[in-house]
Amino acid sequence: MEVHTKKAIKTGFFSAIGFAITTVSLDYYNNNKLEIWGLLFKILFFGVFMSIYFNYIFKKEGK
């Protein structure tokens, strides 16, 4: 696995954790019911999308 791919996966993972914390805190603030499966789906989708995005950006920077 190339260096920029590892970096993109790590960055995507940490951005998904930040997204999860933000989403849960906003739901708590608005007194919404916490739906675990919906939250996990959003986190997974966000993490994959951000990993793909960062992989493209880091690969472009390396050239």
C-alpha atoms as a PDB file:
ATOM      1  CA  MET A   1       0.000   0.000   0.000  1.00  0.00           C
ATOM      2  CA  GLU A   2       1.355   3.380  -0.959  1.00  0.00           C
ATOM      3  CA  VAL A   3       2.060   6.142   1.539  1.00  0.00           C
ATOM      4  CA  HIS A   4      -0.633   8.497   0.249  1.00  0.00           C
ATOM      5  CA  THR A   5      -3.240   5.714   0.465  1.00  0.00           C
ATOM      6  CA  LYS A   6      -2.438   5.009   4.118  1.00  0.00           C
ATOM      7  CA  LYS A   7      -2.540   8.721   4.872  1.00  0.00           C
ATOM      8  CA  ALA A   8      -5.905   9.062   3.101  1.00  0.00           C
ATOM      9  CA  ILE A   9      -7.434   6.154   5.046  1.00  0.00           C
ATOM     10  CA  LYS A  10      -6.243   7.561   8.378  1.00  0.00           C
ATOM     11  CA  THR A  11      -7.498  11.045   7.542  1.00  0.00           C
ATOM     12  CA  GLY A  12     -10.847   9.687   6.358  1.00  0.00           C
ATOM     13  CA  PHE A  13     -11.200   7.654   9.564  1.00  0.00           C
ATOM     14  CA  PHE A  14     -10.472  10.617  11.824  1.00  0.00           C
ATOM     15  CA  SER A  15     -12.785  12.912   9.856  1.00  0.00           C
ATOM     16  CA  ALA A  16     -15.555  10.291  10.240  1.00  0.00           C
ATOM     17  CA  ILE A  17     -14.965  10.269  14.016  1.00  0.00           C
ATOM     18  CA  GLY A  18     -15.260  14.063  14.065  1.00  0.00           C
ATOM     19  CA  PHE A  19     -18.437  13.821  12.013  1.00  0.00           C
ATOM     20  CA  ALA A  20     -19.852  11.276  14.485  1.00  0.00           C
ATOM     21  CA  ILE A  21     -19.104  13.475  17.479  1.00  0.00           C
ATOM     22  CA  THR A  22     -20.693  16.472  15.776  1.00  0.00           C
ATOM     23  CA  THR A  23     -23.779  14.527  14.716  1.00  0.00           C
ATOM     24  CA  VAL A  24     -24.350  13.002  18.146  1.00  0.00           C
ATOM     25  CA  SER A  25     -23.857  16.330  19.900  1.00  0.00           C
ATOM     26  CA  LEU A  26     -26.325  18.077  17.572  1.00  0.00           C
ATOM     27  CA  ASP A  27     -28.890  15.306  18.091  1.00  0.00           C
ATOM     28  CA  TYR A  28     -28.433  15.583  21.854  1.00  0.00           C
ATOM     29  CA  TYR A  29     -28.771  19.370  21.732  1.00  0.00           C
ATOM     30  CA  ASN A  30     -31.986  19.161  19.670  1.00  0.00           C
ATOM     31  CA  ASN A  31     -33.416  16.393  21.899  1.00  0.00           C
ATOM     32  CA  ASN A  32     -33.658  14.005  18.949  1.00  0.00           C
ATOM     33  CA  LYS A  33     -33.726  10.263  19.408  1.00  0.00           C
ATOM     34  CA  LEU A  34     -30.342   8.637  18.719  1.00  0.00           C
ATOM     35  CA  GLU A  35     -30.620   6.091  15.923  1.00  0.00           C
ATOM     36  CA  ILE A  36     -27.517   3.902  15.946  1.00  0.00           C
ATOM     37  CA  TRP A  37     -27.997   2.267  12.528  1.00  0.00           C
ATOM     38  CA  GLY A  38     -28.634   5.574  10.798  1.00  0.00           C
ATOM     39  CA  LEU A  39     -25.621   7.098  12.507  1.00  0.00           C
ATOM     40  CA  LEU A  40     -23.387   4.159  11.563  1.00  0.00           C
ATOM     41  CA  PHE A  41     -24.529   4.362   7.946  1.00  0.00           C
ATOM     42  CA  LYS A  42     -23.805   8.100   7.785  1.00  0.00           C
ATOM     43  CA  ILE A  43     -20.384   7.618   9.411  1.00  0.00           C
ATOM     44  CA  LEU A  44     -19.467   4.776   7.057  1.00  0.00           C
ATOM     45  CA  PHE A  45     -20.622   6.696   3.979  1.00  0.00           C
ATOM     46  CA  PHE A  46     -18.841   9.869   5.116  1.00  0.00           C
ATOM     47  CA  GLY A  47     -15.635   7.996   5.978  1.00  0.00           C
ATOM     48  CA  VAL A  48     -15.489   6.190   2.626  1.00  0.00           C
ATOM     49  CA  PHE A  49     -16.243   9.373   0.691  1.00  0.00           C
ATOM     50  CA  MET A  50     -13.615  11.375   2.569  1.00  0.00           C
ATOM     51  CA  SER A  51     -11.009   8.613   2.157  1.00  0.00           C
ATOM     52  CA  ILE A  52     -11.568   8.610  -1.599  1.00  0.00           C
ATOM     53  CA  TYR A  53     -11.392  12.408  -1.682  1.00  0.00           C
ATOM     54  CA  PHE A  54      -8.198  12.598   0.386  1.00  0.00           C
ATOM     55  CA  ASN A  55      -6.612   9.809  -1.657  1.00  0.00           C
ATOM     56  CA  TYR A  56      -7.181  11.891  -4.793  1.00  0.00           C
ATOM     57  CA  ILE A  57      -5.814  15.049  -3.130  1.00  0.00           C
ATOM     58  CA  PHE A  58      -2.723  13.366  -1.646  1.00  0.00           C
ATOM     59  CA  LYS A  59      -1.993  11.542  -4.895  1.00  0.00           C
ATOM     60  CA  LYS A  60      -2.225  14.844  -6.793  1.00  0.00           C
ATOM     61  CA  GLU A  61       0.126  16.538  -4.297  1.00  0.00           C
ATOM     62  CA  GLY A  62       2.724  13.805  -4.743  1.00  0.00           C
ATOM     63  CA  LYS A  63       3.060  14.356  -8.474  1.00  0.00           C
END
